[in-house]
PDB file of N, CA and C in Angstrom:
ATOM      1  N   MET A   1      14.758  23.248   6.920  1.00  0.00           N
ATOM      2  CA  MET A   1      15.101  22.263   5.905  1.00  0.00           C
ATOM      3  C   MET A   1      14.804  20.874   6.448  1.00  0.00           C
ATOM      4  N   SER A   2      14.081  20.065   5.678  1.00  0.00           N
ATOM      5  CA  SER A   2      13.726  18.729   6.164  1.00  0.00           C
ATOM      6  C   SER A   2      14.771  17.710   5.731  1.00  0.00           C
ATOM      7  N   THR A   3      14.944  16.725   6.552  1.00  0.00           N
ATOM      8  CA  THR A   3      15.888  15.668   6.226  1.00  0.00           C
ATOM      9  C   THR A   3      15.125  14.467   5.708  1.00  0.00           C
ATOM     10  N   ARG A   4      15.814  13.549   5.106  1.00  0.00           N
ATOM     11  CA  ARG A   4      15.192  12.321   4.588  1.00  0.00           C
ATOM     12  C   ARG A   4      14.501  11.568   5.710  1.00  0.00           C
ATOM     13  N   LYS A   5      15.106  11.548   6.898  1.00  0.00           N
ATOM     14  CA  LYS A   5      14.529  10.823   8.025  1.00  0.00           C
ATOM     15  C   LYS A   5      13.153  11.383   8.399  1.00  0.00           C
ATOM     16  N   GLU A   6      13.027  12.714   8.376  1.00  0.00           N
ATOM     17  CA  GLU A   6      11.742  13.340   8.685  1.00  0.00           C
ATOM     18  C   GLU A   6      10.690  13.009   7.639  1.00  0.00           C
ATOM     19  N   ASN A   7      11.106  12.811   6.405  1.00  0.00           N
ATOM     20  CA  ASN A   7      10.195  12.512   5.308  1.00  0.00           C
ATOM     21  C   ASN A   7      10.046  11.023   5.049  1.00  0.00           C
ATOM     22  N   ALA A   8      10.701  10.202   5.835  1.00  0.00           N
ATOM     23  CA  ALA A   8      10.641   8.759   5.622  1.00  0.00           C
ATOM     24  C   ALA A   8       9.212   8.247   5.795  1.00  0.00           C
ATOM     25  N   VAL A   9       8.856   7.308   4.956  1.00  0.00           N
ATOM     26  CA  VAL A   9       7.553   6.666   5.051  1.00  0.00           C
ATOM     27  C   VAL A   9       7.683   5.500   6.024  1.00  0.00           C
ATOM     28  N   THR A  10       6.773   5.450   6.979  1.00  0.00           N
ATOM     29  CA  THR A  10       6.720   4.352   7.940  1.00  0.00           C
ATOM     30  C   THR A  10       5.362   3.671   7.817  1.00  0.00           C
ATOM     31  N   TYR A  11       5.184   2.588   8.533  1.00  0.00           N
ATOM     32  CA  TYR A  11       3.873   1.934   8.503  1.00  0.00           C
ATOM     33  C   TYR A  11       2.811   2.874   9.061  1.00  0.00           C
ATOM     34  N   ASP A  12       3.162   3.680  10.038  1.00  0.00           N
ATOM     35  CA  ASP A  12       2.204   4.630  10.587  1.00  0.00           C
ATOM     36  C   ASP A  12       1.781   5.647   9.519  1.00  0.00           C
ATOM     37  N   THR A  13       2.717   6.070   8.680  1.00  0.00           N
ATOM     38  CA  THR A  13       2.399   6.960   7.566  1.00  0.00           C
ATOM     39  C   THR A  13       1.404   6.283   6.635  1.00  0.00           C
ATOM     40  N   VAL A  14       1.649   5.015   6.340  1.00  0.00           N
ATOM     41  CA  VAL A  14       0.767   4.239   5.464  1.00  0.00           C
ATOM     42  C   VAL A  14      -0.619   4.114   6.094  1.00  0.00           C
ATOM     43  N   ARG A  15      -0.656   3.787   7.359  1.00  0.00           N
ATOM     44  CA  ARG A  15      -1.922   3.611   8.077  1.00  0.00           C
ATOM     45  C   ARG A  15      -2.754   4.884   8.038  1.00  0.00           C
ATOM     46  N   ARG A  16      -2.109   6.011   8.317  1.00  0.00           N
ATOM     47  CA  ARG A  16      -2.825   7.299   8.317  1.00  0.00           C
ATOM     48  C   ARG A  16      -3.305   7.664   6.916  1.00  0.00           C
ATOM     49  N   ALA A  17      -2.491   7.415   5.907  1.00  0.00           N
ATOM     50  CA  ALA A  17      -2.882   7.732   4.528  1.00  0.00           C
ATOM     51  C   ALA A  17      -4.041   6.846   4.065  1.00  0.00           C
ATOM     52  N   ALA A  18      -4.029   5.587   4.455  1.00  0.00           N
ATOM     53  CA  ALA A  18      -5.089   4.657   4.049  1.00  0.00           C
ATOM     54  C   ALA A  18      -6.408   4.938   4.756  1.00  0.00           C
ATOM     55  N   ALA A  19      -6.353   5.590   5.908  1.00  0.00           N
ATOM     56  CA  ALA A  19      -7.562   5.860   6.684  1.00  0.00           C
ATOM     57  C   ALA A  19      -8.535   6.776   5.949  1.00  0.00           C
ATOM     58  N   ARG A  20      -8.083   7.481   4.945  1.00  0.00           N
ATOM     59  CA  ARG A  20      -8.981   8.378   4.202  1.00  0.00           C
ATOM     60  C   ARG A  20      -9.874   7.633   3.216  1.00  0.00           C
ATOM     61  N   PHE A  21      -9.620   6.346   3.017  1.00  0.00           N
ATOM     62  CA  PHE A  21     -10.425   5.553   2.095  1.00  0.00           C
ATOM     63  C   PHE A  21     -11.507   4.798   2.853  1.00  0.00           C
ATOM     64  N   PRO A  22     -12.759   4.878   2.396  1.00  0.00           N
ATOM     65  CA  PRO A  22     -13.855   4.185   3.080  1.00  0.00           C
ATOM     66  C   PRO A  22     -13.613   2.678   3.188  1.00  0.00           C
ATOM     67  N   GLY A  23     -13.927   2.154   4.347  1.00  0.00           N
ATOM     68  CA  GLY A  23     -13.872   0.706   4.553  1.00  0.00           C
ATOM     69  C   GLY A  23     -12.528   0.131   4.921  1.00  0.00           C
ATOM     70  N   VAL A  24     -11.500   0.945   5.037  1.00  0.00           N
ATOM     71  CA  VAL A  24     -10.186   0.428   5.428  1.00  0.00           C
ATOM     72  C   VAL A  24     -10.206   0.151   6.927  1.00  0.00           C
ATOM     73  N   GLU A  25      -9.836  -1.073   7.270  1.00  0.00           N
ATOM     74  CA  GLU A  25      -9.819  -1.493   8.677  1.00  0.00           C
ATOM     75  C   GLU A  25      -8.439  -1.988   9.047  1.00  0.00           C
ATOM     76  N   GLU A  26      -8.064  -1.712  10.273  1.00  0.00           N
ATOM     77  CA  GLU A  26      -6.788  -2.218  10.777  1.00  0.00           C
ATOM     78  C   GLU A  26      -6.974  -3.624  11.323  1.00  0.00           C
ATOM     79  N   GLY A  27      -5.983  -4.447  11.129  1.00  0.00           N
ATOM     80  CA  GLY A  27      -6.008  -5.808  11.639  1.00  0.00           C
ATOM     81  C   GLY A  27      -4.605  -6.370  11.613  1.00  0.00           C
ATOM     82  N   THR A  28      -4.528  -7.665  11.485  1.00  0.00           N
ATOM     83  CA  THR A  28      -3.229  -8.325  11.385  1.00  0.00           C
ATOM     84  C   THR A  28      -3.260  -9.345  10.253  1.00  0.00           C
ATOM     85  N   SER A  29      -2.084  -9.677   9.784  1.00  0.00           N
ATOM     86  CA  SER A  29      -1.907 -10.713   8.777  1.00  0.00           C
ATOM     87  C   SER A  29      -0.589 -11.399   9.094  1.00  0.00           C
ATOM     88  N   TYR A  30      -0.640 -12.678   9.346  1.00  0.00           N
ATOM     89  CA  TYR A  30       0.541 -13.442   9.741  1.00  0.00           C
ATOM     90  C   TYR A  30       1.228 -12.792  10.944  1.00  0.00           C
ATOM     91  N   GLY A  31       0.419 -12.248  11.847  1.00  0.00           N
ATOM     92  CA  GLY A  31       0.928 -11.657  13.075  1.00  0.00           C
ATOM     93  C   GLY A  31       1.486 -10.252  12.932  1.00  0.00           C
ATOM     94  N   ALA A  32       1.429  -9.705  11.732  1.00  0.00           N
ATOM     95  CA  ALA A  32       1.955  -8.362  11.490  1.00  0.00           C
ATOM     96  C   ALA A  32       0.805  -7.376  11.287  1.00  0.00           C
ATOM     97  N   PRO A  33       1.038  -6.095  11.575  1.00  0.00           N
ATOM     98  CA  PRO A  33       0.001  -5.088  11.345  1.00  0.00           C
ATOM     99  C   PRO A  33      -0.430  -5.095   9.878  1.00  0.00           C
ATOM    100  N   ALA A  34      -1.738  -4.972   9.661  1.00  0.00           N
ATOM    101  CA  ALA A  34      -2.264  -5.032   8.298  1.00  0.00           C
ATOM    102  C   ALA A  34      -3.444  -4.089   8.141  1.00  0.00           C
ATOM    103  N   LEU A  35      -3.716  -3.757   6.895  1.00  0.00           N
ATOM    104  CA  LEU A  35      -4.881  -2.974   6.524  1.00  0.00           C
ATOM    105  C   LEU A  35      -5.708  -3.827   5.570  1.00  0.00           C
ATOM    106  N   LYS A  36      -7.008  -3.847   5.810  1.00  0.00           N
ATOM    107  CA  LYS A  36      -7.897  -4.675   4.996  1.00  0.00           C
ATOM    108  C   LYS A  36      -9.103  -3.871   4.533  1.00  0.00           C
ATOM    109  N   VAL A  37      -9.692  -4.336   3.446  1.00  0.00           N
ATOM    110  CA  VAL A  37     -10.927  -3.777   2.921  1.00  0.00           C
ATOM    111  C   VAL A  37     -11.859  -4.955   2.672  1.00  0.00           C
ATOM    112  N   ARG A  38     -13.014  -4.917   3.308  1.00  0.00           N
ATOM    113  CA  ARG A  38     -13.997  -6.001   3.185  1.00  0.00           C
ATOM    114  C   ARG A  38     -13.356  -7.365   3.504  1.00  0.00           C
ATOM    115  N   GLY A  39     -12.460  -7.362   4.481  1.00  0.00           N
ATOM    116  CA  GLY A  39     -11.816  -8.591   4.924  1.00  0.00           C
ATOM    117  C   GLY A  39     -10.661  -9.055   4.070  1.00  0.00           C
ATOM    118  N   LYS A  40     -10.356  -8.314   3.013  1.00  0.00           N
ATOM    119  CA  LYS A  40      -9.271  -8.701   2.109  1.00  0.00           C
ATOM    120  C   LYS A  40      -8.060  -7.797   2.314  1.00  0.00           C
ATOM    121  N   LEU A  41      -6.884  -8.390   2.172  1.00  0.00           N
ATOM    122  CA  LEU A  41      -5.636  -7.681   2.418  1.00  0.00           C
ATOM    123  C   LEU A  41      -5.415  -6.538   1.440  1.00  0.00           C
ATOM    124  N   LEU A  42      -5.232  -5.350   1.969  1.00  0.00           N
ATOM    125  CA  LEU A  42      -4.827  -4.176   1.203  1.00  0.00           C
ATOM    126  C   LEU A  42      -3.307  -4.039   1.315  1.00  0.00           C
ATOM    127  N   ALA A  43      -2.808  -4.090   2.546  1.00  0.00           N
ATOM    128  CA  ALA A  43      -1.372  -3.947   2.792  1.00  0.00           C
ATOM    129  C   ALA A  43      -1.038  -4.530   4.158  1.00  0.00           C
ATOM    130  N   ARG A  44       0.208  -4.931   4.296  1.00  0.00           N
ATOM    131  CA  ARG A  44       0.679  -5.377   5.604  1.00  0.00           C
ATOM    132  C   ARG A  44       2.161  -5.102   5.711  1.00  0.00           C
ATOM    133  N   LEU A  45       2.600  -4.960   6.937  1.00  0.00           N
ATOM    134  CA  LEU A  45       4.011  -4.760   7.209  1.00  0.00           C
ATOM    135  C   LEU A  45       4.678  -6.123   7.297  1.00  0.00           C
ATOM    136  N   ARG A  46       5.801  -6.271   6.646  1.00  0.00           N
ATOM    137  CA  ARG A  46       6.553  -7.521   6.779  1.00  0.00           C
ATOM    138  C   ARG A  46       7.276  -7.534   8.114  1.00  0.00           C
ATOM    139  N   GLU A  47       7.748  -8.679   8.463  1.00  0.00           N
ATOM    140  CA  GLU A  47       8.382  -8.890   9.758  1.00  0.00           C
ATOM    141  C   GLU A  47       9.620  -8.027   9.966  1.00  0.00           C
ATOM    142  N   ASP A  48      10.255  -7.590   8.880  1.00  0.00           N
ATOM    143  CA  ASP A  48      11.463  -6.764   9.025  1.00  0.00           C
ATOM    144  C   ASP A  48      11.145  -5.334   9.482  1.00  0.00           C
ATOM    145  N   GLY A  49       9.871  -4.954   9.454  1.00  0.00           N
ATOM    146  CA  GLY A  49       9.458  -3.643   9.929  1.00  0.00           C
ATOM    147  C   GLY A  49       9.689  -2.493   8.963  1.00  0.00           C
ATOM    148  N   THR A  50      10.282  -2.767   7.805  1.00  0.00           N
ATOM    149  CA  THR A  50      10.547  -1.702   6.839  1.00  0.00           C
ATOM    150  C   THR A  50      10.012  -2.002   5.442  1.00  0.00           C
ATOM    151  N   THR A  51       9.420  -3.170   5.257  1.00  0.00           N
ATOM    152  CA  THR A  51       8.904  -3.552   3.949  1.00  0.00           C
ATOM    153  C   THR A  51       7.389  -3.677   4.015  1.00  0.00           C
ATOM    154  N   LEU A  52       6.727  -3.045   3.058  1.00  0.00           N
ATOM    155  CA  LEU A  52       5.281  -3.112   2.963  1.00  0.00           C
ATOM    156  C   LEU A  52       4.901  -4.082   1.860  1.00  0.00           C
ATOM    157  N   VAL A  53       3.926  -4.939   2.135  1.00  0.00           N
ATOM    158  CA  VAL A  53       3.337  -5.815   1.135  1.00  0.00           C
ATOM    159  C   VAL A  53       2.047  -5.112   0.709  1.00  0.00           C
ATOM    160  N   LEU A  54       1.907  -4.815  -0.581  1.00  0.00           N
ATOM    161  CA  LEU A  54       0.758  -4.054  -1.069  1.00  0.00           C
ATOM    162  C   LEU A  54       0.062  -4.783  -2.204  1.00  0.00           C
ATOM    163  N   LYS A  55      -1.260  -4.771  -2.169  1.00  0.00           N
ATOM    164  CA  LYS A  55      -2.055  -5.336  -3.259  1.00  0.00           C
ATOM    165  C   LYS A  55      -1.676  -4.628  -4.552  1.00  0.00           C
ATOM    166  N   CYS A  56      -1.416  -5.385  -5.614  1.00  0.00           N
ATOM    167  CA  CYS A  56      -0.970  -4.796  -6.869  1.00  0.00           C
ATOM    168  C   CYS A  56      -1.112  -5.827  -7.986  1.00  0.00           C
ATOM    169  N   GLU A  57      -1.732  -5.448  -9.083  1.00  0.00           N
ATOM    170  CA  GLU A  57      -1.847  -6.349 -10.224  1.00  0.00           C
ATOM    171  C   GLU A  57      -0.480  -6.560 -10.866  1.00  0.00           C
ATOM    172  N   SER A  58      -0.317  -7.700 -11.505  1.00  0.00           N
ATOM    173  CA  SER A  58       0.986  -8.077 -12.067  1.00  0.00           C
ATOM    174  C   SER A  58       1.547  -7.060 -13.049  1.00  0.00           C
ATOM    175  N   ILE A  59       0.712  -6.533 -13.937  1.00  0.00           N
ATOM    176  CA  ILE A  59       1.210  -5.578 -14.925  1.00  0.00           C
ATOM    177  C   ILE A  59       1.701  -4.296 -14.253  1.00  0.00           C
ATOM    178  N   ASP A  60       0.965  -3.840 -13.251  1.00  0.00           N
ATOM    179  CA  ASP A  60       1.387  -2.646 -12.514  1.00  0.00           C
ATOM    180  C   ASP A  60       2.671  -2.923 -11.736  1.00  0.00           C
ATOM    181  N   ARG A  61       2.739  -4.098 -11.165  1.00  0.00           N
ATOM    182  CA  ARG A  61       3.930  -4.484 -10.398  1.00  0.00           C
ATOM    183  C   ARG A  61       5.172  -4.454 -11.280  1.00  0.00           C
ATOM    184  N   GLU A  62       5.051  -4.997 -12.470  1.00  0.00           N
ATOM    185  CA  GLU A  62       6.190  -5.020 -13.392  1.00  0.00           C
ATOM    186  C   GLU A  62       6.642  -3.605 -13.747  1.00  0.00           C
ATOM    187  N   MET A  63       5.675  -2.720 -13.983  1.00  0.00           N
ATOM    188  CA  MET A  63       6.027  -1.326 -14.318  1.00  0.00           C
ATOM    189  C   MET A  63       6.707  -0.639 -13.136  1.00  0.00           C
ATOM    190  N   LEU A  64       6.187  -0.859 -11.927  1.00  0.00           N
ATOM    191  CA  LEU A  64       6.799  -0.257 -10.741  1.00  0.00           C
ATOM    192  C   LEU A  64       8.226  -0.762 -10.544  1.00  0.00           C
ATOM    193  N   MET A  65       8.414  -2.064 -10.689  1.00  0.00           N
ATOM    194  CA  MET A  65       9.748  -2.639 -10.478  1.00  0.00           C
ATOM    195  C   MET A  65      10.734  -2.162 -11.534  1.00  0.00           C
ATOM    196  N   GLN A  66      10.260  -1.963 -12.770  1.00  0.00           N
ATOM    197  CA  GLN A  66      11.157  -1.451 -13.808  1.00  0.00           C
ATOM    198  C   GLN A  66      11.505   0.012 -13.566  1.00  0.00           C
ATOM    199  N   ALA A  67      10.522   0.782 -13.100  1.00  0.00           N
ATOM    200  CA  ALA A  67      10.739   2.214 -12.877  1.00  0.00           C
ATOM    201  C   ALA A  67      11.626   2.498 -11.666  1.00  0.00           C
ATOM    202  N   ALA A  68      11.475   1.704 -10.611  1.00  0.00           N
ATOM    203  CA  ALA A  68      12.233   1.941  -9.372  1.00  0.00           C
ATOM    204  C   ALA A  68      12.555   0.617  -8.678  1.00  0.00           C
ATOM    205  N   PRO A  69      13.484  -0.140  -9.223  1.00  0.00           N
ATOM    206  CA  PRO A  69      13.798  -1.455  -8.661  1.00  0.00           C
ATOM    207  C   PRO A  69      14.379  -1.422  -7.254  1.00  0.00           C
ATOM    208  N   ASP A  70      14.884  -0.266  -6.831  1.00  0.00           N
ATOM    209  CA  ASP A  70      15.404  -0.155  -5.471  1.00  0.00           C
ATOM    210  C   ASP A  70      14.275   0.031  -4.454  1.00  0.00           C
ATOM    211  N   VAL A  71      13.071   0.375  -4.943  1.00  0.00           N
ATOM    212  CA  VAL A  71      11.924   0.612  -4.069  1.00  0.00           C
ATOM    213  C   VAL A  71      10.934  -0.551  -4.135  1.00  0.00           C
ATOM    214  N   PHE A  72      10.627  -1.021  -5.337  1.00  0.00           N
ATOM    215  CA  PHE A  72       9.600  -2.047  -5.565  1.00  0.00           C
ATOM    216  C   PHE A  72      10.253  -3.354  -5.995  1.00  0.00           C
ATOM    217  N   PHE A  73       9.831  -4.449  -5.388  1.00  0.00           N
ATOM    218  CA  PHE A  73      10.418  -5.747  -5.704  1.00  0.00           C
ATOM    219  C   PHE A  73       9.483  -6.876  -5.279  1.00  0.00           C
ATOM    220  N   VAL A  74       9.839  -8.088  -5.625  1.00  0.00           N
ATOM    221  CA  VAL A  74       9.146  -9.281  -5.142  1.00  0.00           C
ATOM    222  C   VAL A  74      10.192 -10.314  -4.769  1.00  0.00           C
ATOM    223  N   THR A  75       9.790 -11.223  -3.938  1.00  0.00           N
ATOM    224  CA  THR A  75      10.618 -12.395  -3.633  1.00  0.00           C
ATOM    225  C   THR A  75       9.927 -13.581  -4.282  1.00  0.00           C
ATOM    226  N   ASP A  76      10.586 -14.710  -4.316  1.00  0.00           N
ATOM    227  CA  ASP A  76       9.977 -15.904  -4.895  1.00  0.00           C
ATOM    228  C   ASP A  76       8.637 -16.227  -4.239  1.00  0.00           C
ATOM    229  N   HIS A  77       8.546 -16.007  -2.947  1.00  0.00           N
ATOM    230  CA  HIS A  77       7.313 -16.300  -2.212  1.00  0.00           C
ATOM    231  C   HIS A  77       6.121 -15.523  -2.769  1.00  0.00           C
ATOM    232  N   TYR A  78       6.323 -14.283  -3.178  1.00  0.00           N
ATOM    233  CA  TYR A  78       5.234 -13.409  -3.636  1.00  0.00           C
ATOM    234  C   TYR A  78       5.051 -13.395  -5.154  1.00  0.00           C
ATOM    235  N   ARG A  79       5.908 -14.076  -5.873  1.00  0.00           N
ATOM    236  CA  ARG A  79       5.905 -14.016  -7.334  1.00  0.00           C
ATOM    237  C   ARG A  79       4.550 -14.331  -7.964  1.00  0.00           C
ATOM    238  N   ASP A  80       3.817 -15.282  -7.439  1.00  0.00           N
ATOM    239  CA  ASP A  80       2.545 -15.708  -8.040  1.00  0.00           C
ATOM    240  C   ASP A  80       1.321 -15.049  -7.424  1.00  0.00           C
ATOM    241  N   TYR A  81       1.520 -14.032  -6.623  1.00  0.00           N
ATOM    242  CA  TYR A  81       0.410 -13.339  -5.964  1.00  0.00           C
ATOM    243  C   TYR A  81       0.318 -11.897  -6.462  1.00  0.00           C
ATOM    244  N   PRO A  82      -0.883 -11.320  -6.468  1.00  0.00           N
ATOM    245  CA  PRO A  82      -1.039  -9.930  -6.922  1.00  0.00           C
ATOM    246  C   PRO A  82      -0.608  -8.944  -5.829  1.00  0.00           C
ATOM    247  N   LEU A  83       0.670  -8.976  -5.523  1.00  0.00           N
ATOM    248  CA  LEU A  83       1.249  -8.170  -4.452  1.00  0.00           C
ATOM    249  C   LEU A  83       2.609  -7.649  -4.894  1.00  0.00           C
ATOM    250  N   VAL A  84       2.995  -6.510  -4.358  1.00  0.00           N
ATOM    251  CA  VAL A  84       4.326  -5.980  -4.589  1.00  0.00           C
ATOM    252  C   VAL A  84       4.923  -5.650  -3.221  1.00  0.00           C
ATOM    253  N   LEU A  85       6.217  -5.786  -3.112  1.00  0.00           N
ATOM    254  CA  LEU A  85       6.932  -5.411  -1.889  1.00  0.00           C
ATOM    255  C   LEU A  85       7.530  -4.029  -2.095  1.00  0.00           C
ATOM    256  N   ILE A  86       7.447  -3.212  -1.044  1.00  0.00           N
ATOM    257  CA  ILE A  86       7.929  -1.837  -1.127  1.00  0.00           C
ATOM    258  C   ILE A  86       8.878  -1.569   0.032  1.00  0.00           C
ATOM    259  N   ASP A  87      10.062  -1.087  -0.289  1.00  0.00           N
ATOM    260  CA  ASP A  87      11.014  -0.672   0.739  1.00  0.00           C
ATOM    261  C   ASP A  87      10.582   0.713   1.198  1.00  0.00           C
ATOM    262  N   LEU A  88       9.912   0.781   2.353  1.00  0.00           N
ATOM    263  CA  LEU A  88       9.361   2.042   2.838  1.00  0.00           C
ATOM    264  C   LEU A  88      10.425   3.112   3.047  1.00  0.00           C
ATOM    265  N   SER A  89      11.640   2.707   3.374  1.00  0.00           N
ATOM    266  CA  SER A  89      12.701   3.690   3.615  1.00  0.00           C
ATOM    267  C   SER A  89      13.102   4.427   2.341  1.00  0.00           C
ATOM    268  N   LYS A  90      12.725   3.885   1.183  1.00  0.00           N
ATOM    269  CA  LYS A  90      13.087   4.502  -0.094  1.00  0.00           C
ATOM    270  C   LYS A  90      11.880   5.052  -0.851  1.00  0.00           C
ATOM    271  N   LEU A  91      10.687   4.857  -0.315  1.00  0.00           N
ATOM    272  CA  LEU A  91       9.471   5.296  -0.983  1.00  0.00           C
ATOM    273  C   LEU A  91       9.240   6.791  -0.785  1.00  0.00           C
ATOM    274  N   SER A  92       8.890   7.472  -1.839  1.00  0.00           N
ATOM    275  CA  SER A  92       8.541   8.888  -1.778  1.00  0.00           C
ATOM    276  C   SER A  92       7.163   9.058  -1.145  1.00  0.00           C
ATOM    277  N   ARG A  93       7.048  10.017  -0.226  1.00  0.00           N
ATOM    278  CA  ARG A  93       5.738  10.314   0.380  1.00  0.00           C
ATOM    279  C   ARG A  93       4.731  10.710  -0.686  1.00  0.00           C
ATOM    280  N   LYS A  94       5.180  11.343  -1.747  1.00  0.00           N
ATOM    281  CA  LYS A  94       4.278  11.771  -2.817  1.00  0.00           C
ATOM    282  C   LYS A  94       3.679  10.581  -3.554  1.00  0.00           C
ATOM    283  N   ALA A  95       4.394   9.491  -3.643  1.00  0.00           N
ATOM    284  CA  ALA A  95       3.914   8.314  -4.363  1.00  0.00           C
ATOM    285  C   ALA A  95       2.906   7.495  -3.547  1.00  0.00           C
ATOM    286  N   LEU A  96       2.965   7.617  -2.233  1.00  0.00           N
ATOM    287  CA  LEU A  96       2.144   6.768  -1.353  1.00  0.00           C
ATOM    288  C   LEU A  96       0.644   6.872  -1.594  1.00  0.00           C
ATOM    289  N   PRO A  97       0.038   8.056  -1.632  1.00  0.00           N
ATOM    290  CA  PRO A  97      -1.417   8.114  -1.793  1.00  0.00           C
ATOM    291  C   PRO A  97      -1.922   7.424  -3.064  1.00  0.00           C
ATOM    292  N   GLY A  98      -1.236   7.616  -4.169  1.00  0.00           N
ATOM    293  CA  GLY A  98      -1.648   6.982  -5.417  1.00  0.00           C
ATOM    294  C   GLY A  98      -1.545   5.470  -5.375  1.00  0.00           C
ATOM    295  N   LEU A  99      -0.466   4.976  -4.790  1.00  0.00           N
ATOM    296  CA  LEU A  99      -0.297   3.526  -4.659  1.00  0.00           C
ATOM    297  C   LEU A  99      -1.402   2.928  -3.806  1.00  0.00           C
ATOM    298  N   LEU A 100      -1.702   3.584  -2.692  1.00  0.00           N
ATOM    299  CA  LEU A 100      -2.760   3.090  -1.808  1.00  0.00           C
ATOM    300  C   LEU A 100      -4.125   3.145  -2.478  1.00  0.00           C
ATOM    301  N   GLU A 101      -4.389   4.232  -3.183  1.00  0.00           N
ATOM    302  CA  GLU A 101      -5.698   4.350  -3.836  1.00  0.00           C
ATOM    303  C   GLU A 101      -5.874   3.289  -4.912  1.00  0.00           C
ATOM    304  N   ASP A 102      -4.853   3.041  -5.707  1.00  0.00           N
ATOM    305  CA  ASP A 102      -4.956   1.999  -6.734  1.00  0.00           C
ATOM    306  C   ASP A 102      -5.263   0.648  -6.097  1.00  0.00           C
ATOM    307  N   ALA A 103      -4.568   0.328  -5.021  1.00  0.00           N
ATOM    308  CA  ALA A 103      -4.783  -0.946  -4.330  1.00  0.00           C
ATOM    309  C   ALA A 103      -6.176  -0.986  -3.707  1.00  0.00           C
ATOM    310  N   TRP A 104      -6.584   0.100  -3.080  1.00  0.00           N
ATOM    311  CA  TRP A 104      -7.900   0.173  -2.433  1.00  0.00           C
ATOM    312  C   TRP A 104      -9.019  -0.007  -3.456  1.00  0.00           C
ATOM    313  N   ARG A 105      -8.899   0.619  -4.613  1.00  0.00           N
ATOM    314  CA  ARG A 105      -9.931   0.522  -5.647  1.00  0.00           C
ATOM    315  C   ARG A 105     -10.160  -0.917  -6.098  1.00  0.00           C
ATOM    316  N   ARG A 106      -9.140  -1.753  -6.046  1.00  0.00           N
ATOM    317  CA  ARG A 106      -9.277  -3.157  -6.442  1.00  0.00           C
ATOM    318  C   ARG A 106     -10.118  -3.957  -5.439  1.00  0.00           C
ATOM    319  N   LEU A 107     -10.238  -3.439  -4.231  1.00  0.00           N
ATOM    320  CA  LEU A 107     -10.928  -4.157  -3.160  1.00  0.00           C
ATOM    321  C   LEU A 107     -12.250  -3.517  -2.732  1.00  0.00           C
ATOM    322  N   ALA A 108     -12.433  -2.256  -3.023  1.00  0.00           N
ATOM    323  CA  ALA A 108     -13.589  -1.508  -2.537  1.00  0.00           C
ATOM    324  C   ALA A 108     -14.882  -1.937  -3.240  1.00  0.00           C
ATOM    325  N   SER A 109     -15.975  -1.805  -2.506  1.00  0.00           N
ATOM    326  CA  SER A 109     -17.300  -2.060  -3.075  1.00  0.00           C
ATOM    327  C   SER A 109     -17.731  -0.846  -3.899  1.00  0.00           C
ATOM    328  N   ARG A 110     -18.778  -1.000  -4.682  1.00  0.00           N
ATOM    329  CA  ARG A 110     -19.307   0.130  -5.450  1.00  0.00           C
ATOM    330  C   ARG A 110     -19.724   1.255  -4.506  1.00  0.00           C
ATOM    331  N   ARG A 111     -20.320   0.900  -3.394  1.00  0.00           N
ATOM    332  CA  ARG A 111     -20.757   1.900  -2.422  1.00  0.00           C
ATOM    333  C   ARG A 111     -19.553   2.663  -1.870  1.00  0.00           C
ATOM    334  N   GLN A 112     -18.484   1.944  -1.545  1.00  0.00           N
ATOM    335  CA  GLN A 112     -17.282   2.598  -1.015  1.00  0.00           C
ATOM    336  C   GLN A 112     -16.638   3.502  -2.072  1.00  0.00           C
ATOM    337  N   LEU A 113     -16.629   3.045  -3.319  1.00  0.00           N
ATOM    338  CA  LEU A 113     -16.089   3.877  -4.393  1.00  0.00           C
ATOM    339  C   LEU A 113     -16.913   5.153  -4.540  1.00  0.00           C
ATOM    340  N   ALA A 114     -18.239   5.015  -4.516  1.00  0.00           N
ATOM    341  CA  ALA A 114     -19.121   6.180  -4.638  1.00  0.00           C
ATOM    342  C   ALA A 114     -18.941   7.131  -3.456  1.00  0.00           C
ATOM    343  N   GLU A 115     -18.793   6.571  -2.273  1.00  0.00           N
ATOM    344  CA  GLU A 115     -18.577   7.392  -1.083  1.00  0.00           C
ATOM    345  C   GLU A 115     -17.283   8.195  -1.216  1.00  0.00           C
ATOM    346  N   HIS A 116     -16.236   7.538  -1.701  1.00  0.00           N
ATOM    347  CA  HIS A 116     -14.957   8.211  -1.872  1.00  0.00           C
ATOM    348  C   HIS A 116     -15.069   9.314  -2.934  1.00  0.00           C
ATOM    349  N   GLU A 117     -15.734   9.018  -4.037  1.00  0.00           N
ATOM    350  CA  GLU A 117     -15.913  10.016  -5.089  1.00  0.00           C
ATOM    351  C   GLU A 117     -16.684  11.220  -4.570  1.00  0.00           C
ATOM    352  N   GLY A 118     -17.680  10.973  -3.715  1.00  0.00           N
ATOM    353  CA  GLY A 118     -18.487  12.035  -3.137  1.00  0.00           C
ATOM    354  C   GLY A 118     -17.710  12.947  -2.205  1.00  0.00           C
ATOM    355  N   LYS A 119     -16.616  12.429  -1.646  1.00  0.00           N
ATOM    356  CA  LYS A 119     -15.776  13.227  -0.737  1.00  0.00           C
ATOM    357  C   LYS A 119     -14.722  14.025  -1.500  1.00  0.00           C
ATOM    358  N   GLY A 120     -14.764  13.897  -2.799  1.00  0.00           N
ATOM    359  CA  GLY A 120     -13.777  14.647  -3.592  1.00  0.00           C
ATOM    360  C   GLY A 120     -12.540  13.854  -3.922  1.00  0.00           C
ATOM    361  N   GLY A 121     -12.504  12.571  -3.547  1.00  0.00           N
ATOM    362  CA  GLY A 121     -11.356  11.736  -3.918  1.00  0.00           C
ATOM    363  C   GLY A 121     -11.561  11.267  -5.328  1.00  0.00           C
ATOM    364  N   ALA A 122     -10.528  11.227  -6.098  1.00  0.00           N
ATOM    365  CA  ALA A 122     -10.679  10.733  -7.460  1.00  0.00           C
ATOM    366  C   ALA A 122      -9.409  10.133  -7.853  1.00  0.00           C
TER     367      ALA A 122
END
């Protein structure tokens, strides 16, 4: 029987899940671990070590926050940016791949999208 702790999403979980998308590179953003595509921010860990900043369009962000306000949120600092904050300790592992793919698709080149489609990702 697995416990919540064993199934908890960490930045390492995010990093490994994002590695399946073409062009994802590890780097830093504001001194924190980050993932980028073509030099643009896909996701980064906030300084608290448990919150992920993820690329997300405003309409999607609003739907996520309404559906699970304990998981998805924004602060005043992020309000005007296409980003959502995610409490990794409350995020379902099942939700992670879809969230990452949606964010990655906003940043990927046509070639990267085609490469991903060719590998069976959709």
